[in-house]
Amino acid sequence: DYPPGDWTVGGLRDALEGPGEAFTLPTYDDEAAWTALRTDELTREPV
């Protein structure tokens, strides 16, 4: 059962022209998110 096999170009185009954003991760402007990576015990060492 694979619903994405029924997707159409027209339907996708209409959806992609909407307000959604493909990149969901922090960008450079999200300073707080990057600061958190450096200070969080979970991510501090790999960062």
ModelCIF file with pLDDT and N, C-alpha, C, O atoms, coordinates in Angstrom:
data_MODEL
#
_entry.id   MODEL 
#
_entity.id                         1 
_entity.type                       polymer 
_entity.pdbx_number_of_molecules   1 
#
_entity_poly.entity_id                      1 
_entity_poly.type                           'polypeptide(L)' 
_entity_poly.nstd_linkage                   no 
_entity_poly.nstd_monomer                   no 
_entity_poly.pdbx_seq_one_letter_code       DYPPGDWTVGGLRDALEGPGEAFTLPTYDDEAAWTALRTDELTREPV 
_entity_poly.pdbx_seq_one_letter_code_can   DYPPGDWTVGGLRDALEGPGEAFTLPTYDDEAAWTALRTDELTREPV 
_entity_poly.pdbx_strand_id                 A 
#
loop_
_entity_poly_seq.entity_id 
_entity_poly_seq.num 
_entity_poly_seq.mon_id 
_entity_poly_seq.hetero 
1 1  ASP n 
1 2  TYR n 
1 3  PRO n 
1 4  PRO n 
1 5  GLY n 
1 6  ASP n 
1 7  TRP n 
1 8  THR n 
1 9  VAL n 
1 10 GLY n 
1 11 GLY n 
1 12 LEU n 
1 13 ARG n 
1 14 ASP n 
1 15 ALA n 
1 16 LEU n 
1 17 GLU n 
1 18 GLY n 
1 19 PRO n 
1 20 GLY n 
1 21 GLU n 
1 22 ALA n 
1 23 PHE n 
1 24 THR n 
1 25 LEU n 
1 26 PRO n 
1 27 THR n 
1 28 TYR n 
1 29 ASP n 
1 30 ASP n 
1 31 GLU n 
1 32 ALA n 
1 33 ALA n 
1 34 TRP n 
1 35 THR n 
1 36 ALA n 
1 37 LEU n 
1 38 ARG n 
1 39 THR n 
1 40 ASP n 
1 41 GLU n 
1 42 LEU n 
1 43 THR n 
1 44 ARG n 
1 45 GLU n 
1 46 PRO n 
1 47 VAL n 
#
_struct_asym.id          A 
_struct_asym.entity_id   1 
#
loop_
_ma_qa_metric.id 
_ma_qa_metric.mode 
_ma_qa_metric.name 
_ma_qa_metric.software_group_id 
_ma_qa_metric.type 
1 global pLDDT . pLDDT 
2 local  pLDDT . pLDDT 
#
_ma_qa_metric_global.metric_id      1 
_ma_qa_metric_global.metric_value   96.00 
_ma_qa_metric_global.model_id       1 
_ma_qa_metric_global.ordinal_id     1 
#
loop_
_ma_qa_metric_local.label_asym_id 
_ma_qa_metric_local.label_comp_id 
_ma_qa_metric_local.label_seq_id 
_ma_qa_metric_local.metric_id 
_ma_qa_metric_local.metric_value 
_ma_qa_metric_local.model_id 
_ma_qa_metric_local.ordinal_id 
A ASP 1  2 90.00 1 1  
A TYR 2  2 94.00 1 2  
A PRO 3  2 94.00 1 3  
A PRO 4  2 96.00 1 4  
A GLY 5  2 94.00 1 5  
A ASP 6  2 94.00 1 6  
A TRP 7  2 97.00 1 7  
A THR 8  2 97.00 1 8  
A VAL 9  2 98.00 1 9  
A GLY 10 2 98.00 1 10 
A GLY 11 2 98.00 1 11 
A LEU 12 2 98.00 1 12 
A ARG 13 2 98.00 1 13 
A ASP 14 2 97.00 1 14 
A ALA 15 2 97.00 1 15 
A LEU 16 2 97.00 1 16 
A GLU 17 2 96.00 1 17 
A GLY 18 2 94.00 1 18 
A PRO 19 2 93.00 1 19 
A GLY 20 2 93.00 1 20 
A GLU 21 2 95.00 1 21 
A ALA 22 2 95.00 1 22 
A PHE 23 2 96.00 1 23 
A THR 24 2 96.00 1 24 
A LEU 25 2 97.00 1 25 
A PRO 26 2 97.00 1 26 
A THR 27 2 98.00 1 27 
A TYR 28 2 97.00 1 28 
A ASP 29 2 97.00 1 29 
A ASP 30 2 97.00 1 30 
A GLU 31 2 97.00 1 31 
A ALA 32 2 97.00 1 32 
A ALA 33 2 97.00 1 33 
A TRP 34 2 98.00 1 34 
A THR 35 2 97.00 1 35 
A ALA 36 2 97.00 1 36 
A LEU 37 2 96.00 1 37 
A ARG 38 2 96.00 1 38 
A THR 39 2 96.00 1 39 
A ASP 40 2 96.00 1 40 
A GLU 41 2 96.00 1 41 
A LEU 42 2 96.00 1 42 
A THR 43 2 96.00 1 43 
A ARG 44 2 95.00 1 44 
A GLU 45 2 94.00 1 45 
A PRO 46 2 94.00 1 46 
A VAL 47 2 96.00 1 47 
#
loop_
_atom_site.group_PDB 
_atom_site.id 
_atom_site.type_symbol 
_atom_site.label_atom_id 
_atom_site.label_alt_id 
_atom_site.label_comp_id 
_atom_site.label_asym_id 
_atom_site.label_entity_id 
_atom_site.label_seq_id 
_atom_site.pdbx_PDB_ins_code 
_atom_site.Cartn_x 
_atom_site.Cartn_y 
_atom_site.Cartn_z 
_atom_site.occupancy 
_atom_site.B_iso_or_equiv 
_atom_site.pdbx_formal_charge 
_atom_site.auth_seq_id 
_atom_site.auth_comp_id 
_atom_site.auth_asym_id 
_atom_site.auth_atom_id 
_atom_site.pdbx_PDB_model_num 
ATOM 1   N N  . ASP A 1 1  ? 0.868  -1.174 0.000   1.00 90.00 ? 1  ASP A N  1 
ATOM 2   C CA . ASP A 1 1  ? 0.000  0.000  0.000   1.00 90.00 ? 1  ASP A CA 1 
ATOM 3   C C  . ASP A 1 1  ? 0.903  1.223  0.000   1.00 90.00 ? 1  ASP A C  1 
ATOM 4   O O  . ASP A 1 1  ? 1.598  1.489  0.980   1.00 90.00 ? 1  ASP A O  1 
ATOM 5   N N  . TYR A 1 2  ? 0.891  1.974  -1.114  1.00 94.00 ? 2  TYR A N  1 
ATOM 6   C CA . TYR A 1 2  ? 1.843  3.074  -1.271  1.00 94.00 ? 2  TYR A CA 1 
ATOM 7   C C  . TYR A 1 2  ? 1.133  4.307  -1.826  1.00 94.00 ? 2  TYR A C  1 
ATOM 8   O O  . TYR A 1 2  ? 1.166  4.551  -3.032  1.00 94.00 ? 2  TYR A O  1 
ATOM 9   N N  . PRO A 1 3  ? 0.492  5.083  -0.955  1.00 94.00 ? 3  PRO A N  1 
ATOM 10  C CA . PRO A 1 3  ? -0.267 6.252  -1.412  1.00 94.00 ? 3  PRO A CA 1 
ATOM 11  C C  . PRO A 1 3  ? 0.535  7.250  -2.247  1.00 94.00 ? 3  PRO A C  1 
ATOM 12  O O  . PRO A 1 3  ? -0.034 7.818  -3.179  1.00 94.00 ? 3  PRO A O  1 
ATOM 13  N N  . PRO A 1 4  ? 1.834  7.505  -1.972  1.00 96.00 ? 4  PRO A N  1 
ATOM 14  C CA . PRO A 1 4  ? 2.546  8.478  -2.807  1.00 96.00 ? 4  PRO A CA 1 
ATOM 15  C C  . PRO A 1 4  ? 2.600  8.107  -4.289  1.00 96.00 ? 4  PRO A C  1 
ATOM 16  O O  . PRO A 1 4  ? 2.859  8.966  -5.132  1.00 96.00 ? 4  PRO A O  1 
ATOM 17  N N  . GLY A 1 5  ? 2.358  6.830  -4.613  1.00 94.00 ? 5  GLY A N  1 
ATOM 18  C CA . GLY A 1 5  ? 2.333  6.441  -6.020  1.00 94.00 ? 5  GLY A CA 1 
ATOM 19  C C  . GLY A 1 5  ? 1.201  7.088  -6.797  1.00 94.00 ? 5  GLY A C  1 
ATOM 20  O O  . GLY A 1 5  ? 1.216  7.091  -8.027  1.00 94.00 ? 5  GLY A O  1 
ATOM 21  N N  . ASP A 1 6  ? 0.221  7.636  -6.092  1.00 94.00 ? 6  ASP A N  1 
ATOM 22  C CA . ASP A 1 6  ? -0.920 8.275  -6.752  1.00 94.00 ? 6  ASP A CA 1 
ATOM 23  C C  . ASP A 1 6  ? -0.783 9.796  -6.842  1.00 94.00 ? 6  ASP A C  1 
ATOM 24  O O  . ASP A 1 6  ? -1.679 10.459 -7.365  1.00 94.00 ? 6  ASP A O  1 
ATOM 25  N N  . TRP A 1 7  ? 0.293  10.348 -6.357  1.00 97.00 ? 7  TRP A N  1 
ATOM 26  C CA . TRP A 1 7  ? 0.465  11.794 -6.415  1.00 97.00 ? 7  TRP A CA 1 
ATOM 27  C C  . TRP A 1 7  ? 0.558  12.259 -7.871  1.00 97.00 ? 7  TRP A C  1 
ATOM 28  O O  . TRP A 1 7  ? 1.036  11.529 -8.739  1.00 97.00 ? 7  TRP A O  1 
ATOM 29  N N  . THR A 1 8  ? 0.098  13.470 -8.117  1.00 97.00 ? 8  THR A N  1 
ATOM 30  C CA . THR A 1 8  ? 0.149  14.057 -9.458  1.00 97.00 ? 8  THR A CA 1 
ATOM 31  C C  . THR A 1 8  ? 0.990  15.327 -9.448  1.00 97.00 ? 8  THR A C  1 
ATOM 32  O O  . THR A 1 8  ? 1.158  15.976 -8.415  1.00 97.00 ? 8  THR A O  1 
ATOM 33  N N  . VAL A 1 9  ? 1.509  15.660 -10.615 1.00 98.00 ? 9  VAL A N  1 
ATOM 34  C CA . VAL A 1 9  ? 2.316  16.875 -10.740 1.00 98.00 ? 9  VAL A CA 1 
ATOM 35  C C  . VAL A 1 9  ? 1.466  18.099 -10.409 1.00 98.00 ? 9  VAL A C  1 
ATOM 36  O O  . VAL A 1 9  ? 1.925  19.010 -9.722  1.00 98.00 ? 9  VAL A O  1 
ATOM 37  N N  . GLY A 1 10 ? 0.230  18.117 -10.897 1.00 98.00 ? 10 GLY A N  1 
ATOM 38  C CA . GLY A 1 10 ? -0.619 19.281 -10.655 1.00 98.00 ? 10 GLY A CA 1 
ATOM 39  C C  . GLY A 1 10 ? -0.909 19.486 -9.181  1.00 98.00 ? 10 GLY A C  1 
ATOM 40  O O  . GLY A 1 10 ? -0.829 20.606 -8.678  1.00 98.00 ? 10 GLY A O  1 
ATOM 41  N N  . GLY A 1 11 ? -1.242 18.420 -8.497  1.00 98.00 ? 11 GLY A N  1 
ATOM 42  C CA . GLY A 1 11 ? -1.522 18.537 -7.071  1.00 98.00 ? 11 GLY A CA 1 
ATOM 43  C C  . GLY A 1 11 ? -0.304 18.966 -6.284  1.00 98.00 ? 11 GLY A C  1 
ATOM 44  O O  . GLY A 1 11 ? -0.402 19.801 -5.385  1.00 98.00 ? 11 GLY A O  1 
ATOM 45  N N  . LEU A 1 12 ? 0.839  18.402 -6.613  1.00 98.00 ? 12 LEU A N  1 
ATOM 46  C CA . LEU A 1 12 ? 2.074  18.789 -5.946  1.00 98.00 ? 12 LEU A CA 1 
ATOM 47  C C  . LEU A 1 12 ? 2.414  20.250 -6.215  1.00 98.00 ? 12 LEU A C  1 
ATOM 48  O O  . LEU A 1 12 ? 2.823  20.977 -5.310  1.00 98.00 ? 12 LEU A O  1 
ATOM 49  N N  . ARG A 1 13 ? 2.243  20.675 -7.466  1.00 98.00 ? 13 ARG A N  1 
ATOM 50  C CA . ARG A 1 13 ? 2.558  22.067 -7.803  1.00 98.00 ? 13 ARG A CA 1 
ATOM 51  C C  . ARG A 1 13 ? 1.716  23.030 -6.989  1.00 98.00 ? 13 ARG A C  1 
ATOM 52  O O  . ARG A 1 13 ? 2.230  24.009 -6.448  1.00 98.00 ? 13 ARG A O  1 
ATOM 53  N N  . ASP A 1 14 ? 0.435  22.758 -6.903  1.00 97.00 ? 14 ASP A N  1 
ATOM 54  C CA . ASP A 1 14 ? -0.439 23.643 -6.138  1.00 97.00 ? 14 ASP A CA 1 
ATOM 55  C C  . ASP A 1 14 ? -0.014 23.698 -4.672  1.00 97.00 ? 14 ASP A C  1 
ATOM 56  O O  . ASP A 1 14 ? -0.019 24.764 -4.058  1.00 97.00 ? 14 ASP A O  1 
ATOM 57  N N  . ALA A 1 15 ? 0.351  22.547 -4.118  1.00 97.00 ? 15 ALA A N  1 
ATOM 58  C CA . ALA A 1 15 ? 0.757  22.515 -2.709  1.00 97.00 ? 15 ALA A CA 1 
ATOM 59  C C  . ALA A 1 15 ? 2.078  23.225 -2.499  1.00 97.00 ? 15 ALA A C  1 
ATOM 60  O O  . ALA A 1 15 ? 2.253  23.920 -1.498  1.00 97.00 ? 15 ALA A O  1 
ATOM 61  N N  . LEU A 1 16 ? 3.011  23.063 -3.426  1.00 97.00 ? 16 LEU A N  1 
ATOM 62  C CA . LEU A 1 16 ? 4.329  23.683 -3.291  1.00 97.00 ? 16 LEU A CA 1 
ATOM 63  C C  . LEU A 1 16 ? 4.274  25.189 -3.492  1.00 97.00 ? 16 LEU A C  1 
ATOM 64  O O  . LEU A 1 16 ? 5.170  25.907 -3.048  1.00 97.00 ? 16 LEU A O  1 
ATOM 65  N N  . GLU A 1 17 ? 3.248  25.668 -4.148  1.00 96.00 ? 17 GLU A N  1 
ATOM 66  C CA . GLU A 1 17 ? 3.093  27.114 -4.319  1.00 96.00 ? 17 GLU A CA 1 
ATOM 67  C C  . GLU A 1 17 ? 2.488  27.772 -3.086  1.00 96.00 ? 17 GLU A C  1 
ATOM 68  O O  . GLU A 1 17 ? 2.348  28.994 -3.034  1.00 96.00 ? 17 GLU A O  1 
ATOM 69  N N  . GLY A 1 18 ? 2.130  26.960 -2.093  1.00 94.00 ? 18 GLY A N  1 
ATOM 70  C CA . GLY A 1 18 ? 1.543  27.487 -0.866  1.00 94.00 ? 18 GLY A CA 1 
ATOM 71  C C  . GLY A 1 18 ? 2.592  28.093 0.047   1.00 94.00 ? 18 GLY A C  1 
ATOM 72  O O  . GLY A 1 18 ? 3.725  28.320 -0.377  1.00 94.00 ? 18 GLY A O  1 
ATOM 73  N N  . PRO A 1 19 ? 2.228  28.358 1.302   1.00 93.00 ? 19 PRO A N  1 
ATOM 74  C CA . PRO A 1 19 ? 3.099  29.097 2.216   1.00 93.00 ? 19 PRO A CA 1 
ATOM 75  C C  . PRO A 1 19 ? 4.163  28.239 2.900   1.00 93.00 ? 19 PRO A C  1 
ATOM 76  O O  . PRO A 1 19 ? 5.001  28.777 3.623   1.00 93.00 ? 19 PRO A O  1 
ATOM 77  N N  . GLY A 1 20 ? 4.152  26.930 2.694   1.00 93.00 ? 20 GLY A N  1 
ATOM 78  C CA . GLY A 1 20 ? 5.072  26.062 3.414   1.00 93.00 ? 20 GLY A CA 1 
ATOM 79  C C  . GLY A 1 20 ? 6.528  26.294 3.053   1.00 93.00 ? 20 GLY A C  1 
ATOM 80  O O  . GLY A 1 20 ? 6.837  26.778 1.964   1.00 93.00 ? 20 GLY A O  1 
ATOM 81  N N  . GLU A 1 21 ? 7.423  25.949 3.972   1.00 95.00 ? 21 GLU A N  1 
ATOM 82  C CA . GLU A 1 21 ? 8.865  26.066 3.769   1.00 95.00 ? 21 GLU A CA 1 
ATOM 83  C C  . GLU A 1 21 ? 9.492  24.683 3.851   1.00 95.00 ? 21 GLU A C  1 
ATOM 84  O O  . GLU A 1 21 ? 9.208  23.914 4.769   1.00 95.00 ? 21 GLU A O  1 
ATOM 85  N N  . ALA A 1 22 ? 10.357 24.370 2.871   1.00 95.00 ? 22 ALA A N  1 
ATOM 86  C CA . ALA A 1 22 ? 10.955 23.038 2.819   1.00 95.00 ? 22 ALA A CA 1 
ATOM 87  C C  . ALA A 1 22 ? 12.031 22.846 3.878   1.00 95.00 ? 22 ALA A C  1 
ATOM 88  O O  . ALA A 1 22 ? 12.195 21.741 4.396   1.00 95.00 ? 22 ALA A O  1 
ATOM 89  N N  . PHE A 1 23 ? 12.769 23.907 4.209   1.00 96.00 ? 23 PHE A N  1 
ATOM 90  C CA . PHE A 1 23 ? 13.882 23.759 5.139   1.00 96.00 ? 23 PHE A CA 1 
ATOM 91  C C  . PHE A 1 23 ? 13.384 24.013 6.549   1.00 96.00 ? 23 PHE A C  1 
ATOM 92  O O  . PHE A 1 23 ? 13.070 25.149 6.904   1.00 96.00 ? 23 PHE A O  1 
ATOM 93  N N  . THR A 1 24 ? 13.309 22.965 7.352   1.00 96.00 ? 24 THR A N  1 
ATOM 94  C CA . THR A 1 24 ? 12.723 23.069 8.689   1.00 96.00 ? 24 THR A CA 1 
ATOM 95  C C  . THR A 1 24 ? 13.770 23.242 9.780   1.00 96.00 ? 24 THR A C  1 
ATOM 96  O O  . THR A 1 24 ? 13.417 23.419 10.946  1.00 96.00 ? 24 THR A O  1 
ATOM 97  N N  . LEU A 1 25 ? 15.037 23.194 9.430   1.00 97.00 ? 25 LEU A N  1 
ATOM 98  C CA . LEU A 1 25 ? 16.110 23.263 10.418  1.00 97.00 ? 25 LEU A CA 1 
ATOM 99  C C  . LEU A 1 25 ? 16.501 24.713 10.685  1.00 97.00 ? 25 LEU A C  1 
ATOM 100 O O  . LEU A 1 25 ? 16.192 25.588 9.876   1.00 97.00 ? 25 LEU A O  1 
ATOM 101 N N  . PRO A 1 26 ? 17.167 24.983 11.794  1.00 97.00 ? 26 PRO A N  1 
ATOM 102 C CA . PRO A 1 26 ? 17.601 26.356 12.060  1.00 97.00 ? 26 PRO A CA 1 
ATOM 103 C C  . PRO A 1 26 ? 18.581 26.855 10.996  1.00 97.00 ? 26 PRO A C  1 
ATOM 104 O O  . PRO A 1 26 ? 19.468 26.125 10.554  1.00 97.00 ? 26 PRO A O  1 
ATOM 105 N N  . THR A 1 27 ? 18.403 28.101 10.603  1.00 98.00 ? 27 THR A N  1 
ATOM 106 C CA . THR A 1 27 ? 19.371 28.770 9.733   1.00 98.00 ? 27 THR A CA 1 
ATOM 107 C C  . THR A 1 27 ? 20.318 29.601 10.594  1.00 98.00 ? 27 THR A C  1 
ATOM 108 O O  . THR A 1 27 ? 20.213 29.626 11.820  1.00 98.00 ? 27 THR A O  1 
ATOM 109 N N  . TYR A 1 28 ? 21.232 30.270 9.928   1.00 97.00 ? 28 TYR A N  1 
ATOM 110 C CA . TYR A 1 28 ? 22.193 31.106 10.654  1.00 97.00 ? 28 TYR A CA 1 
ATOM 111 C C  . TYR A 1 28 ? 21.478 32.119 11.547  1.00 97.00 ? 28 TYR A C  1 
ATOM 112 O O  . TYR A 1 28 ? 21.963 32.445 12.631  1.00 97.00 ? 28 TYR A O  1 
ATOM 113 N N  . ASP A 1 29 ? 20.346 32.609 11.101  1.00 97.00 ? 29 ASP A N  1 
ATOM 114 C CA . ASP A 1 29 ? 19.633 33.642 11.860  1.00 97.00 ? 29 ASP A CA 1 
ATOM 115 C C  . ASP A 1 29 ? 19.078 33.143 13.189  1.00 97.00 ? 29 ASP A C  1 
ATOM 116 O O  . ASP A 1 29 ? 18.770 33.950 14.066  1.00 97.00 ? 29 ASP A O  1 
ATOM 117 N N  . ASP A 1 30 ? 18.945 31.827 13.355  1.00 97.00 ? 30 ASP A N  1 
ATOM 118 C CA . ASP A 1 30 ? 18.369 31.274 14.587  1.00 97.00 ? 30 ASP A CA 1 
ATOM 119 C C  . ASP A 1 30 ? 19.463 31.093 15.632  1.00 97.00 ? 30 ASP A C  1 
ATOM 120 O O  . ASP A 1 30 ? 19.820 29.973 16.000  1.00 97.00 ? 30 ASP A O  1 
ATOM 121 N N  . GLU A 1 31 ? 19.983 32.218 16.099  1.00 97.00 ? 31 GLU A N  1 
ATOM 122 C CA . GLU A 1 31 ? 21.144 32.188 16.991  1.00 97.00 ? 31 GLU A CA 1 
ATOM 123 C C  . GLU A 1 31 ? 20.898 31.350 18.238  1.00 97.00 ? 31 GLU A C  1 
ATOM 124 O O  . GLU A 1 31 ? 21.785 30.619 18.679  1.00 97.00 ? 31 GLU A O  1 
ATOM 125 N N  . ALA A 1 32 ? 19.711 31.448 18.805  1.00 97.00 ? 32 ALA A N  1 
ATOM 126 C CA . ALA A 1 32 ? 19.432 30.717 20.048  1.00 97.00 ? 32 ALA A CA 1 
ATOM 127 C C  . ALA A 1 32 ? 19.544 29.206 19.852  1.00 97.00 ? 32 ALA A C  1 
ATOM 128 O O  . ALA A 1 32 ? 20.015 28.492 20.739  1.00 97.00 ? 32 ALA A O  1 
ATOM 129 N N  . ALA A 1 33 ? 19.109 28.722 18.687  1.00 97.00 ? 33 ALA A N  1 
ATOM 130 C CA . ALA A 1 33 ? 19.158 27.277 18.432  1.00 97.00 ? 33 ALA A CA 1 
ATOM 131 C C  . ALA A 1 33 ? 20.595 26.789 18.361  1.00 97.00 ? 33 ALA A C  1 
ATOM 132 O O  . ALA A 1 33 ? 20.906 25.707 18.860  1.00 97.00 ? 33 ALA A O  1 
ATOM 133 N N  . TRP A 1 34 ? 21.478 27.576 17.744  1.00 98.00 ? 34 TRP A N  1 
ATOM 134 C CA . TRP A 1 34 ? 22.881 27.176 17.621  1.00 98.00 ? 34 TRP A CA 1 
ATOM 135 C C  . TRP A 1 34 ? 23.599 27.310 18.963  1.00 98.00 ? 34 TRP A C  1 
ATOM 136 O O  . TRP A 1 34 ? 24.453 26.488 19.296  1.00 98.00 ? 34 TRP A O  1 
ATOM 137 N N  . THR A 1 35 ? 23.259 28.331 19.723  1.00 97.00 ? 35 THR A N  1 
ATOM 138 C CA . THR A 1 35 ? 23.853 28.466 21.062  1.00 97.00 ? 35 THR A CA 1 
ATOM 139 C C  . THR A 1 35 ? 23.467 27.285 21.938  1.00 97.00 ? 35 THR A C  1 
ATOM 140 O O  . THR A 1 35 ? 24.275 26.782 22.719  1.00 97.00 ? 35 THR A O  1 
ATOM 141 N N  . ALA A 1 36 ? 22.225 26.852 21.798  1.00 97.00 ? 36 ALA A N  1 
ATOM 142 C CA . ALA A 1 36 ? 21.762 25.716 22.590  1.00 97.00 ? 36 ALA A CA 1 
ATOM 143 C C  . ALA A 1 36 ? 22.557 24.454 22.277  1.00 97.00 ? 36 ALA A C  1 
ATOM 144 O O  . ALA A 1 36 ? 22.826 23.654 23.174  1.00 97.00 ? 36 ALA A O  1 
ATOM 145 N N  . LEU A 1 37 ? 22.934 24.268 21.019  1.00 96.00 ? 37 LEU A N  1 
ATOM 146 C CA . LEU A 1 37 ? 23.723 23.089 20.659  1.00 96.00 ? 37 LEU A CA 1 
ATOM 147 C C  . LEU A 1 37 ? 25.066 23.079 21.390  1.00 96.00 ? 37 LEU A C  1 
ATOM 148 O O  . LEU A 1 37 ? 25.552 22.027 21.805  1.00 96.00 ? 37 LEU A O  1 
ATOM 149 N N  . ARG A 1 38 ? 25.644 24.240 21.536  1.00 96.00 ? 38 ARG A N  1 
ATOM 150 C CA . ARG A 1 38 ? 26.967 24.315 22.174  1.00 96.00 ? 38 ARG A CA 1 
ATOM 151 C C  . ARG A 1 38 ? 26.882 24.148 23.685  1.00 96.00 ? 38 ARG A C  1 
ATOM 152 O O  . ARG A 1 38 ? 27.847 23.710 24.312  1.00 96.00 ? 38 ARG A O  1 
ATOM 153 N N  . THR A 1 39 ? 25.764 24.483 24.265  1.00 96.00 ? 39 THR A N  1 
ATOM 154 C CA . THR A 1 39 ? 25.650 24.441 25.724  1.00 96.00 ? 39 THR A CA 1 
ATOM 155 C C  . THR A 1 39 ? 24.910 23.213 26.246  1.00 96.00 ? 39 THR A C  1 
ATOM 156 O O  . THR A 1 39 ? 25.053 22.854 27.414  1.00 96.00 ? 39 THR A O  1 
ATOM 157 N N  . ASP A 1 40 ? 24.139 22.583 25.409  1.00 96.00 ? 40 ASP A N  1 
ATOM 158 C CA . ASP A 1 40 ? 23.369 21.421 25.834  1.00 96.00 ? 40 ASP A CA 1 
ATOM 159 C C  . ASP A 1 40 ? 24.316 20.250 26.104  1.00 96.00 ? 40 ASP A C  1 
ATOM 160 O O  . ASP A 1 40 ? 25.207 19.960 25.305  1.00 96.00 ? 40 ASP A O  1 
ATOM 161 N N  . GLU A 1 41 ? 24.111 19.587 27.236  1.00 96.00 ? 41 GLU A N  1 
ATOM 162 C CA . GLU A 1 41 ? 24.962 18.450 27.593  1.00 96.00 ? 41 GLU A CA 1 
ATOM 163 C C  . GLU A 1 41 ? 24.914 17.361 26.527  1.00 96.00 ? 41 GLU A C  1 
ATOM 164 O O  . GLU A 1 41 ? 25.902 16.657 26.319  1.00 96.00 ? 41 GLU A O  1 
ATOM 165 N N  . LEU A 1 42 ? 23.781 17.215 25.853  1.00 96.00 ? 42 LEU A N  1 
ATOM 166 C CA . LEU A 1 42 ? 23.632 16.182 24.839  1.00 96.00 ? 42 LEU A CA 1 
ATOM 167 C C  . LEU A 1 42 ? 24.546 16.404 23.638  1.00 96.00 ? 42 LEU A C  1 
ATOM 168 O O  . LEU A 1 42 ? 25.146 15.458 23.129  1.00 96.00 ? 42 LEU A O  1 
ATOM 169 N N  . THR A 1 43 ? 24.651 17.644 23.190  1.00 96.00 ? 43 THR A N  1 
ATOM 170 C CA . THR A 1 43 ? 25.343 17.932 21.928  1.00 96.00 ? 43 THR A CA 1 
ATOM 171 C C  . THR A 1 43 ? 26.668 18.663 22.107  1.00 96.00 ? 43 THR A C  1 
ATOM 172 O O  . THR A 1 43 ? 27.383 18.887 21.130  1.00 96.00 ? 43 THR A O  1 
ATOM 173 N N  . ARG A 1 44 ? 27.007 19.039 23.338  1.00 95.00 ? 44 ARG A N  1 
ATOM 174 C CA . ARG A 1 44 ? 28.190 19.887 23.543  1.00 95.00 ? 44 ARG A CA 1 
ATOM 175 C C  . ARG A 1 44 ? 29.473 19.254 23.001  1.00 95.00 ? 44 ARG A C  1 
ATOM 176 O O  . ARG A 1 44 ? 30.234 19.913 22.292  1.00 95.00 ? 44 ARG A O  1 
ATOM 177 N N  . GLU A 1 45 ? 29.717 17.992 23.325  1.00 94.00 ? 45 GLU A N  1 
ATOM 178 C CA . GLU A 1 45 ? 30.987 17.376 22.908  1.00 94.00 ? 45 GLU A CA 1 
ATOM 179 C C  . GLU A 1 45 ? 31.107 17.234 21.397  1.00 94.00 ? 45 GLU A C  1 
ATOM 180 O O  . GLU A 1 45 ? 32.139 17.621 20.848  1.00 94.00 ? 45 GLU A O  1 
ATOM 181 N N  . PRO A 1 46 ? 30.109 16.700 20.696  1.00 94.00 ? 46 PRO A N  1 
ATOM 182 C CA . PRO A 1 46 ? 30.263 16.636 19.247  1.00 94.00 ? 46 PRO A CA 1 
ATOM 183 C C  . PRO A 1 46 ? 30.377 18.004 18.593  1.00 94.00 ? 46 PRO A C  1 
ATOM 184 O O  . PRO A 1 46 ? 31.086 18.153 17.598  1.00 94.00 ? 46 PRO A O  1 
ATOM 185 N N  . VAL A 1 47 ? 29.689 19.008 19.135  1.00 96.00 ? 47 VAL A N  1 
ATOM 186 C CA . VAL A 1 47 ? 29.814 20.355 18.569  1.00 96.00 ? 47 VAL A CA 1 
ATOM 187 C C  . VAL A 1 47 ? 31.226 20.890 18.779  1.00 96.00 ? 47 VAL A C  1 
ATOM 188 O O  . VAL A 1 47 ? 31.528 22.012 18.370  1.00 96.00 ? 47 VAL A O  1 
#
